């Protein structure tokens, strides 16, 4: 069961890195279908693992968290064969659509 929690924290880190404006606790809770308190714990885990995390406040005064570009890049690893497979699949989709 613990690996599921680790996977969620990793996905949250990637979401926080992919977002230009950051991710709010409510968005985290909806995305992972968890309570706000669990989302807060997940956010705390990401911030603890990645100290460069940035907290901002949007125009509606909601707190948002994001990771600077390339902070969590090491969590995703592709090998050349996988990239070639993706390119082939994209070519097929373009051809068939």
PDB file of N, CA and C in Angstrom:
ATOM      1  N   UNK A   1       0.819  -1.200   0.000  1.00  0.00           N
ATOM      2  CA  UNK A   1       0.000   0.000   0.000  1.00  0.00           C
ATOM      3  C   UNK A   1       0.860   1.259   0.000  1.00  0.00           C
ATOM      4  N   UNK A   2       2.030   1.217   0.617  1.00  0.00           N
ATOM      5  CA  UNK A   2       2.898   2.383   0.710  1.00  0.00           C
ATOM      6  C   UNK A   2       3.373   2.862  -0.662  1.00  0.00           C
ATOM      7  N   UNK A   3       3.596   1.936  -1.592  1.00  0.00           N
ATOM      8  CA  UNK A   3       4.065   2.341  -2.918  1.00  0.00           C
ATOM      9  C   UNK A   3       3.035   3.210  -3.640  1.00  0.00           C
ATOM     10  N   UNK A   4       1.757   3.016  -3.321  1.00  0.00           N
ATOM     11  CA  UNK A   4       0.714   3.857  -3.910  1.00  0.00           C
ATOM     12  C   UNK A   4       0.899   5.297  -3.435  1.00  0.00           C
ATOM     13  N   UNK A   5       1.201   5.481  -2.155  1.00  0.00           N
ATOM     14  CA  UNK A   5       1.402   6.819  -1.607  1.00  0.00           C
ATOM     15  C   UNK A   5       2.634   7.476  -2.213  1.00  0.00           C
ATOM     16  N   UNK A   6       3.699   6.710  -2.374  1.00  0.00           N
ATOM     17  CA  UNK A   6       4.912   7.249  -2.990  1.00  0.00           C
ATOM     18  C   UNK A   6       4.622   7.668  -4.427  1.00  0.00           C
ATOM     19  N   UNK A   7       3.881   6.848  -5.142  1.00  0.00           N
ATOM     20  CA  UNK A   7       3.514   7.181  -6.517  1.00  0.00           C
ATOM     21  C   UNK A   7       2.716   8.469  -6.598  1.00  0.00           C
ATOM     22  N   UNK A   8       1.819   8.656  -5.665  1.00  0.00           N
ATOM     23  CA  UNK A   8       1.015   9.895  -5.649  1.00  0.00           C
ATOM     24  C   UNK A   8       1.890  11.107  -5.390  1.00  0.00           C
ATOM     25  N   UNK A   9       2.823  10.979  -4.461  1.00  0.00           N
ATOM     26  CA  UNK A   9       3.716  12.098  -4.156  1.00  0.00           C
ATOM     27  C   UNK A   9       4.585  12.416  -5.374  1.00  0.00           C
ATOM     28  N   UNK A  10       5.055  11.384  -6.061  1.00  0.00           N
ATOM     29  CA  UNK A  10       5.856  11.611  -7.266  1.00  0.00           C
ATOM     30  C   UNK A  10       5.022  12.302  -8.346  1.00  0.00           C
ATOM     31  N   UNK A  11       3.782  11.844  -8.545  1.00  0.00           N
ATOM     32  CA  UNK A  11       2.914  12.475  -9.549  1.00  0.00           C
ATOM     33  C   UNK A  11       2.609  13.927  -9.173  1.00  0.00           C
ATOM     34  N   UNK A  12       2.407  14.176  -7.880  1.00  0.00           N
ATOM     35  CA  UNK A  12       2.166  15.544  -7.436  1.00  0.00           C
ATOM     36  C   UNK A  12       3.385  16.418  -7.720  1.00  0.00           C
ATOM     37  N   UNK A  13       4.576  15.901  -7.463  1.00  0.00           N
ATOM     38  CA  UNK A  13       5.797  16.665  -7.745  1.00  0.00           C
ATOM     39  C   UNK A  13       5.868  17.021  -9.232  1.00  0.00           C
ATOM     40  N   UNK A  14       5.547  16.063 -10.089  1.00  0.00           N
ATOM     41  CA  UNK A  14       5.563  16.338 -11.530  1.00  0.00           C
ATOM     42  C   UNK A  14       4.483  17.343 -11.916  1.00  0.00           C
ATOM     43  N   UNK A  15       3.302  17.249 -11.291  1.00  0.00           N
ATOM     44  CA  UNK A  15       2.227  18.226 -11.540  1.00  0.00           C
ATOM     45  C   UNK A  15       2.667  19.624 -11.113  1.00  0.00           C
ATOM     46  N   UNK A  16       3.318  19.711  -9.958  1.00  0.00           N
ATOM     47  CA  UNK A  16       3.768  20.999  -9.450  1.00  0.00           C
ATOM     48  C   UNK A  16       4.850  21.586 -10.356  1.00  0.00           C
ATOM     49  N   UNK A  17       5.653  20.747 -10.940  1.00  0.00           N
ATOM     50  CA  UNK A  17       6.691  21.215 -11.855  1.00  0.00           C
ATOM     51  C   UNK A  17       6.093  21.635 -13.199  1.00  0.00           C
ATOM     52  N   UNK A  18       5.049  20.951 -13.631  1.00  0.00           N
ATOM     53  CA  UNK A  18       4.446  21.234 -14.932  1.00  0.00           C
ATOM     54  C   UNK A  18       3.572  22.483 -14.916  1.00  0.00           C
ATOM     55  N   UNK A  19       3.156  22.919 -13.754  1.00  0.00           N
ATOM     56  CA  UNK A  19       2.254  24.063 -13.660  1.00  0.00           C
ATOM     57  C   UNK A  19       3.022  25.370 -13.550  1.00  0.00           C
ATOM     58  N   UNK A  20       2.713  26.294 -14.417  1.00  0.00           N
ATOM     59  CA  UNK A  20       3.357  27.610 -14.397  1.00  0.00           C
ATOM     60  C   UNK A  20       2.902  28.434 -13.196  1.00  0.00           C
ATOM     61  N   UNK A  21       1.621  28.277 -12.805  1.00  0.00           N
ATOM     62  CA  UNK A  21       1.069  29.079 -11.707  1.00  0.00           C
ATOM     63  C   UNK A  21       1.054  28.337 -10.377  1.00  0.00           C
ATOM     64  N   UNK A  22       1.348  27.043 -10.393  1.00  0.00           N
ATOM     65  CA  UNK A  22       1.330  26.253  -9.172  1.00  0.00           C
ATOM     66  C   UNK A  22       0.011  25.525  -8.989  1.00  0.00           C
ATOM     67  N   UNK A  23      -0.059  24.720  -7.959  1.00  0.00           N
ATOM     68  CA  UNK A  23      -1.218  23.885  -7.685  1.00  0.00           C
ATOM     69  C   UNK A  23      -1.716  24.196  -6.274  1.00  0.00           C
ATOM     70  N   UNK A  24      -3.019  24.402  -6.138  1.00  0.00           N
ATOM     71  CA  UNK A  24      -3.608  24.687  -4.825  1.00  0.00           C
ATOM     72  C   UNK A  24      -3.947  23.383  -4.111  1.00  0.00           C
ATOM     73  N   UNK A  25      -4.179  23.470  -2.810  1.00  0.00           N
ATOM     74  CA  UNK A  25      -4.565  22.281  -2.046  1.00  0.00           C
ATOM     75  C   UNK A  25      -5.873  21.684  -2.556  1.00  0.00           C
ATOM     76  N   UNK A  26      -6.822  22.541  -2.904  1.00  0.00           N
ATOM     77  CA  UNK A  26      -8.101  22.042  -3.423  1.00  0.00           C
ATOM     78  C   UNK A  26      -7.905  21.288  -4.739  1.00  0.00           C
ATOM     79  N   UNK A  27      -7.050  21.805  -5.605  1.00  0.00           N
ATOM     80  CA  UNK A  27      -6.766  21.115  -6.865  1.00  0.00           C
ATOM     81  C   UNK A  27      -6.086  19.772  -6.614  1.00  0.00           C
ATOM     82  N   UNK A  28      -5.173  19.741  -5.643  1.00  0.00           N
ATOM     83  CA  UNK A  28      -4.508  18.484  -5.290  1.00  0.00           C
ATOM     84  C   UNK A  28      -5.537  17.468  -4.796  1.00  0.00           C
ATOM     85  N   UNK A  29      -6.420  17.915  -3.928  1.00  0.00           N
ATOM     86  CA  UNK A  29      -7.434  17.025  -3.360  1.00  0.00           C
ATOM     87  C   UNK A  29      -8.336  16.455  -4.453  1.00  0.00           C
ATOM     88  N   UNK A  30      -8.761  17.311  -5.384  1.00  0.00           N
ATOM     89  CA  UNK A  30      -9.610  16.832  -6.489  1.00  0.00           C
ATOM     90  C   UNK A  30      -8.850  15.880  -7.401  1.00  0.00           C
ATOM     91  N   UNK A  31      -7.634  16.239  -7.755  1.00  0.00           N
ATOM     92  CA  UNK A  31      -6.836  15.436  -8.700  1.00  0.00           C
ATOM     93  C   UNK A  31      -6.610  14.027  -8.176  1.00  0.00           C
ATOM     94  N   UNK A  32      -6.322  13.905  -6.892  1.00  0.00           N
ATOM     95  CA  UNK A  32      -5.997  12.605  -6.308  1.00  0.00           C
ATOM     96  C   UNK A  32      -7.154  11.980  -5.533  1.00  0.00           C
ATOM     97  N   UNK A  33      -8.303  12.670  -5.545  1.00  0.00           N
ATOM     98  CA  UNK A  33      -9.497  12.178  -4.846  1.00  0.00           C
ATOM     99  C   UNK A  33      -9.206  11.847  -3.378  1.00  0.00           C
ATOM    100  N   UNK A  34      -8.641  12.846  -2.699  1.00  0.00           N
ATOM    101  CA  UNK A  34      -8.307  12.701  -1.280  1.00  0.00           C
ATOM    102  C   UNK A  34      -8.885  13.896  -0.531  1.00  0.00           C
ATOM    103  N   UNK A  35      -8.834  13.816   0.794  1.00  0.00           N
ATOM    104  CA  UNK A  35      -9.300  14.945   1.609  1.00  0.00           C
ATOM    105  C   UNK A  35      -8.285  16.088   1.515  1.00  0.00           C
ATOM    106  N   UNK A  36      -8.730  17.239   1.925  1.00  0.00           N
ATOM    107  CA  UNK A  36      -7.829  18.404   1.917  1.00  0.00           C
ATOM    108  C   UNK A  36      -6.643  18.166   2.845  1.00  0.00           C
ATOM    109  N   UNK A  37      -6.867  17.533   3.974  1.00  0.00           N
ATOM    110  CA  UNK A  37      -5.775  17.254   4.927  1.00  0.00           C
ATOM    111  C   UNK A  37      -4.748  16.303   4.299  1.00  0.00           C
ATOM    112  N   UNK A  38      -5.219  15.281   3.585  1.00  0.00           N
ATOM    113  CA  UNK A  38      -4.294  14.356   2.915  1.00  0.00           C
ATOM    114  C   UNK A  38      -3.528  15.096   1.832  1.00  0.00           C
ATOM    115  N   UNK A  39      -4.199  15.987   1.107  1.00  0.00           N
ATOM    116  CA  UNK A  39      -3.517  16.791   0.093  1.00  0.00           C
ATOM    117  C   UNK A  39      -2.433  17.646   0.741  1.00  0.00           C
ATOM    118  N   UNK A  40      -2.724  18.163   1.919  1.00  0.00           N
ATOM    119  CA  UNK A  40      -1.734  18.967   2.638  1.00  0.00           C
ATOM    120  C   UNK A  40      -0.518  18.118   3.021  1.00  0.00           C
ATOM    121  N   UNK A  41      -0.750  16.899   3.466  1.00  0.00           N
ATOM    122  CA  UNK A  41       0.357  15.999   3.804  1.00  0.00           C
ATOM    123  C   UNK A  41       1.194  15.668   2.562  1.00  0.00           C
ATOM    124  N   UNK A  42       0.504  15.432   1.448  1.00  0.00           N
ATOM    125  CA  UNK A  42       1.215  15.140   0.198  1.00  0.00           C
ATOM    126  C   UNK A  42       2.071  16.334  -0.217  1.00  0.00           C
ATOM    127  N   UNK A  43       1.495  17.525  -0.137  1.00  0.00           N
ATOM    128  CA  UNK A  43       2.234  18.748  -0.473  1.00  0.00           C
ATOM    129  C   UNK A  43       3.444  18.900   0.435  1.00  0.00           C
ATOM    130  N   UNK A  44       3.273  18.643   1.728  1.00  0.00           N
ATOM    131  CA  UNK A  44       4.382  18.736   2.670  1.00  0.00           C
ATOM    132  C   UNK A  44       5.492  17.747   2.314  1.00  0.00           C
ATOM    133  N   UNK A  45       5.112  16.556   1.857  1.00  0.00           N
ATOM    134  CA  UNK A  45       6.104  15.559   1.463  1.00  0.00           C
ATOM    135  C   UNK A  45       6.900  16.052   0.253  1.00  0.00           C
ATOM    136  N   UNK A  46       6.216  16.620  -0.728  1.00  0.00           N
ATOM    137  CA  UNK A  46       6.906  17.133  -1.922  1.00  0.00           C
ATOM    138  C   UNK A  46       7.841  18.274  -1.539  1.00  0.00           C
ATOM    139  N   UNK A  47       7.350  19.199  -0.729  1.00  0.00           N
ATOM    140  CA  UNK A  47       8.173  20.341  -0.320  1.00  0.00           C
ATOM    141  C   UNK A  47       9.382  19.862   0.489  1.00  0.00           C
ATOM    142  N   UNK A  48       9.203  18.818   1.293  1.00  0.00           N
ATOM    143  CA  UNK A  48      10.327  18.270   2.053  1.00  0.00           C
ATOM    144  C   UNK A  48      11.367  17.604   1.162  1.00  0.00           C
ATOM    145  N   UNK A  49      10.901  16.958   0.099  1.00  0.00           N
ATOM    146  CA  UNK A  49      11.824  16.293  -0.829  1.00  0.00           C
ATOM    147  C   UNK A  49      12.490  17.272  -1.792  1.00  0.00           C
ATOM    148  N   UNK A  50      11.789  18.340  -2.126  1.00  0.00           N
ATOM    149  CA  UNK A  50      12.277  19.315  -3.102  1.00  0.00           C
ATOM    150  C   UNK A  50      12.249  20.714  -2.488  1.00  0.00           C
ATOM    151  N   UNK A  51      13.290  21.067  -1.714  1.00  0.00           N
ATOM    152  CA  UNK A  51      13.317  22.376  -1.045  1.00  0.00           C
ATOM    153  C   UNK A  51      13.174  23.587  -1.968  1.00  0.00           C
ATOM    154  N   UNK A  52      13.509  23.479  -3.271  1.00  0.00           N
ATOM    155  CA  UNK A  52      13.306  24.668  -4.109  1.00  0.00           C
ATOM    156  C   UNK A  52      11.831  24.981  -4.393  1.00  0.00           C
ATOM    157  N   UNK A  53      10.902  24.228  -3.808  1.00  0.00           N
ATOM    158  CA  UNK A  53       9.475  24.484  -4.039  1.00  0.00           C
ATOM    159  C   UNK A  53       9.152  25.943  -3.714  1.00  0.00           C
ATOM    160  N   UNK A  54       8.267  26.506  -4.512  1.00  0.00           N
ATOM    161  CA  UNK A  54       7.904  27.918  -4.372  1.00  0.00           C
ATOM    162  C   UNK A  54       6.427  28.016  -4.013  1.00  0.00           C
ATOM    163  N   UNK A  55       6.133  28.787  -2.954  1.00  0.00           N
ATOM    164  CA  UNK A  55       4.741  29.044  -2.594  1.00  0.00           C
ATOM    165  C   UNK A  55       4.372  30.439  -3.056  1.00  0.00           C
ATOM    166  N   UNK A  56       3.254  30.532  -3.750  1.00  0.00           N
ATOM    167  CA  UNK A  56       2.758  31.826  -4.208  1.00  0.00           C
ATOM    168  C   UNK A  56       1.305  31.976  -3.769  1.00  0.00           C
ATOM    169  N   UNK A  57       0.772  33.149  -3.939  1.00  0.00           N
ATOM    170  CA  UNK A  57      -0.629  33.412  -3.653  1.00  0.00           C
ATOM    171  C   UNK A  57      -1.237  34.019  -4.907  1.00  0.00           C
ATOM    172  N   UNK A  58      -2.353  33.431  -5.369  1.00  0.00           N
ATOM    173  CA  UNK A  58      -2.980  33.946  -6.589  1.00  0.00           C
ATOM    174  C   UNK A  58      -3.838  35.168  -6.272  1.00  0.00           C
ATOM    175  N   UNK A  59      -4.462  35.727  -7.306  1.00  0.00           N
ATOM    176  CA  UNK A  59      -5.256  36.944  -7.143  1.00  0.00           C
ATOM    177  C   UNK A  59      -6.471  36.738  -6.233  1.00  0.00           C
ATOM    178  N   UNK A  60      -6.908  35.506  -6.052  1.00  0.00           N
ATOM    179  CA  UNK A  60      -8.023  35.218  -5.150  1.00  0.00           C
ATOM    180  C   UNK A  60      -7.533  34.849  -3.748  1.00  0.00           C
ATOM    181  N   UNK A  61      -6.245  35.048  -3.516  1.00  0.00           N
ATOM    182  CA  UNK A  61      -5.583  34.799  -2.228  1.00  0.00           C
ATOM    183  C   UNK A  61      -5.520  33.329  -1.855  1.00  0.00           C
ATOM    184  N   UNK A  62      -5.518  32.440  -2.860  1.00  0.00           N
ATOM    185  CA  UNK A  62      -5.306  31.015  -2.619  1.00  0.00           C
ATOM    186  C   UNK A  62      -3.813  30.719  -2.698  1.00  0.00           C
ATOM    187  N   UNK A  63      -3.334  29.924  -1.756  1.00  0.00           N
ATOM    188  CA  UNK A  63      -1.928  29.530  -1.792  1.00  0.00           C
ATOM    189  C   UNK A  63      -1.742  28.463  -2.868  1.00  0.00           C
ATOM    190  N   UNK A  64      -0.637  28.573  -3.597  1.00  0.00           N
ATOM    191  CA  UNK A  64      -0.324  27.632  -4.671  1.00  0.00           C
ATOM    192  C   UNK A  64       1.148  27.262  -4.552  1.00  0.00           C
ATOM    193  N   UNK A  65       1.473  26.019  -4.913  1.00  0.00           N
ATOM    194  CA  UNK A  65       2.847  25.547  -4.847  1.00  0.00           C
ATOM    195  C   UNK A  65       3.284  25.050  -6.213  1.00  0.00           C
ATOM    196  N   UNK A  66       4.535  25.327  -6.557  1.00  0.00           N
ATOM    197  CA  UNK A  66       5.087  24.830  -7.809  1.00  0.00           C
ATOM    198  C   UNK A  66       6.565  24.510  -7.601  1.00  0.00           C
ATOM    199  N   UNK A  67       7.083  23.712  -8.492  1.00  0.00           N
ATOM    200  CA  UNK A  67       8.507  23.402  -8.491  1.00  0.00           C
ATOM    201  C   UNK A  67       9.134  24.059  -9.699  1.00  0.00           C
ATOM    202  N   UNK A  68      10.297  24.670  -9.525  1.00  0.00           N
ATOM    203  CA  UNK A  68      10.983  25.241 -10.685  1.00  0.00           C
ATOM    204  C   UNK A  68      11.271  24.156 -11.728  1.00  0.00           C
ATOM    205  N   UNK A  69      11.371  24.576 -12.969  1.00  0.00           N
ATOM    206  CA  UNK A  69      11.628  23.652 -14.078  1.00  0.00           C
ATOM    207  C   UNK A  69      12.866  22.810 -13.783  1.00  0.00           C
ATOM    208  N   UNK A  70      12.775  21.538 -14.096  1.00  0.00           N
ATOM    209  CA  UNK A  70      13.864  20.556 -13.973  1.00  0.00           C
ATOM    210  C   UNK A  70      14.155  20.134 -12.531  1.00  0.00           C
ATOM    211  N   UNK A  71      13.365  20.574 -11.566  1.00  0.00           N
ATOM    212  CA  UNK A  71      13.586  20.166 -10.179  1.00  0.00           C
ATOM    213  C   UNK A  71      13.318  18.676  -9.995  1.00  0.00           C
ATOM    214  N   UNK A  72      12.212  18.182 -10.566  1.00  0.00           N
ATOM    215  CA  UNK A  72      11.809  16.782 -10.380  1.00  0.00           C
ATOM    216  C   UNK A  72      12.025  15.956 -11.646  1.00  0.00           C
ATOM    217  N   UNK A  73      12.823  16.467 -12.559  1.00  0.00           N
ATOM    218  CA  UNK A  73      13.019  15.784 -13.835  1.00  0.00           C
ATOM    219  C   UNK A  73      13.601  14.389 -13.644  1.00  0.00           C
ATOM    220  N   UNK A  74      14.405  14.196 -12.655  1.00  0.00           N
ATOM    221  CA  UNK A  74      15.012  12.892 -12.406  1.00  0.00           C
ATOM    222  C   UNK A  74      14.007  11.800 -12.068  1.00  0.00           C
ATOM    223  N   UNK A  75      12.756  12.169 -11.762  1.00  0.00           N
ATOM    224  CA  UNK A  75      11.737  11.171 -11.454  1.00  0.00           C
ATOM    225  C   UNK A  75      11.258  10.436 -12.699  1.00  0.00           C
ATOM    226  N   UNK A  76      11.468  11.047 -13.860  1.00  0.00           N
ATOM    227  CA  UNK A  76      11.008  10.450 -15.117  1.00  0.00           C
ATOM    228  C   UNK A  76      12.236  10.086 -15.935  1.00  0.00           C
ATOM    229  N   UNK A  77      12.275   8.852 -16.396  1.00  0.00           N
ATOM    230  CA  UNK A  77      13.431   8.393 -17.156  1.00  0.00           C
ATOM    231  C   UNK A  77      12.949   7.637 -18.385  1.00  0.00           C
ATOM    232  N   UNK A  78      13.399   8.046 -19.537  1.00  0.00           N
ATOM    233  CA  UNK A  78      13.063   7.370 -20.779  1.00  0.00           C
ATOM    234  C   UNK A  78      14.338   6.813 -21.383  1.00  0.00           C
ATOM    235  N   UNK A  79      14.228   5.648 -22.002  1.00  0.00           N
ATOM    236  CA  UNK A  79      15.355   5.103 -22.759  1.00  0.00           C
ATOM    237  C   UNK A  79      15.070   5.308 -24.241  1.00  0.00           C
ATOM    238  N   UNK A  80      16.088   5.185 -25.064  1.00  0.00           N
ATOM    239  CA  UNK A  80      15.958   5.468 -26.498  1.00  0.00           C
ATOM    240  C   UNK A  80      14.866   4.625 -27.156  1.00  0.00           C
ATOM    241  N   UNK A  81      14.756   3.352 -26.789  1.00  0.00           N
ATOM    242  CA  UNK A  81      13.730   2.495 -27.383  1.00  0.00           C
ATOM    243  C   UNK A  81      12.323   3.007 -27.096  1.00  0.00           C
ATOM    244  N   UNK A  82      12.098   3.490 -25.874  1.00  0.00           N
ATOM    245  CA  UNK A  82      10.781   4.011 -25.512  1.00  0.00           C
ATOM    246  C   UNK A  82      10.457   5.278 -26.303  1.00  0.00           C
ATOM    247  N   UNK A  83      11.448   6.143 -26.485  1.00  0.00           N
ATOM    248  CA  UNK A  83      11.220   7.353 -27.273  1.00  0.00           C
ATOM    249  C   UNK A  83      10.934   7.000 -28.729  1.00  0.00           C
ATOM    250  N   UNK A  84      11.640   6.012 -29.277  1.00  0.00           N
ATOM    251  CA  UNK A  84      11.395   5.586 -30.655  1.00  0.00           C
ATOM    252  C   UNK A  84       9.981   5.027 -30.787  1.00  0.00           C
ATOM    253  N   UNK A  85       9.537   4.248 -29.800  1.00  0.00           N
ATOM    254  CA  UNK A  85       8.166   3.720 -29.817  1.00  0.00           C
ATOM    255  C   UNK A  85       7.137   4.842 -29.790  1.00  0.00           C
ATOM    256  N   UNK A  86       7.379   5.857 -28.969  1.00  0.00           N
ATOM    257  CA  UNK A  86       6.467   7.004 -28.900  1.00  0.00           C
ATOM    258  C   UNK A  86       6.421   7.761 -30.225  1.00  0.00           C
ATOM    259  N   UNK A  87       7.575   7.943 -30.834  1.00  0.00           N
ATOM    260  CA  UNK A  87       7.608   8.633 -32.136  1.00  0.00           C
ATOM    261  C   UNK A  87       6.841   7.837 -33.180  1.00  0.00           C
ATOM    262  N   UNK A  88       7.016   6.515 -33.181  1.00  0.00           N
ATOM    263  CA  UNK A  88       6.292   5.662 -34.124  1.00  0.00           C
ATOM    264  C   UNK A  88       4.796   5.727 -33.903  1.00  0.00           C
ATOM    265  N   UNK A  89       4.373   5.697 -32.667  1.00  0.00           N
ATOM    266  CA  UNK A  89       2.946   5.779 -32.349  1.00  0.00           C
ATOM    267  C   UNK A  89       2.373   7.129 -32.781  1.00  0.00           C
ATOM    268  N   UNK A  90       3.120   8.201 -32.556  1.00  0.00           N
ATOM    269  CA  UNK A  90       2.655   9.531 -32.958  1.00  0.00           C
ATOM    270  C   UNK A  90       2.526   9.603 -34.489  1.00  0.00           C
ATOM    271  N   UNK A  91       3.470   9.030 -35.195  1.00  0.00           N
ATOM    272  CA  UNK A  91       3.394   9.003 -36.664  1.00  0.00           C
ATOM    273  C   UNK A  91       2.157   8.269 -37.141  1.00  0.00           C
ATOM    274  N   UNK A  92       1.887   7.116 -36.524  1.00  0.00           N
ATOM    275  CA  UNK A  92       0.688   6.331 -36.893  1.00  0.00           C
ATOM    276  C   UNK A  92      -0.592   7.109 -36.611  1.00  0.00           C
ATOM    277  N   UNK A  93      -0.646   7.779 -35.489  1.00  0.00           N
ATOM    278  CA  UNK A  93      -1.841   8.560 -35.148  1.00  0.00           C
ATOM    279  C   UNK A  93      -2.045   9.706 -36.127  1.00  0.00           C
ATOM    280  N   UNK A  94      -0.968  10.390 -36.496  1.00  0.00           N
ATOM    281  CA  UNK A  94      -1.094  11.480 -37.471  1.00  0.00           C
ATOM    282  C   UNK A  94      -1.553  10.943 -38.820  1.00  0.00           C
ATOM    283  N   UNK A  95      -1.023   9.794 -39.225  1.00  0.00           N
ATOM    284  CA  UNK A  95      -1.366   9.210 -40.507  1.00  0.00           C
ATOM    285  C   UNK A  95      -2.825   8.752 -40.541  1.00  0.00           C
ATOM    286  N   UNK A  96      -3.301   8.164 -39.456  1.00  0.00           N
ATOM    287  CA  UNK A  96      -4.652   7.602 -39.418  1.00  0.00           C
ATOM    288  C   UNK A  96      -5.727   8.613 -39.068  1.00  0.00           C
ATOM    289  N   UNK A  97      -5.354   9.817 -38.692  1.00  0.00           N
ATOM    290  CA  UNK A  97      -6.397  10.780 -38.314  1.00  0.00           C
ATOM    291  C   UNK A  97      -6.721  11.747 -39.412  1.00  0.00           C
TER     292      UNK A  97
END
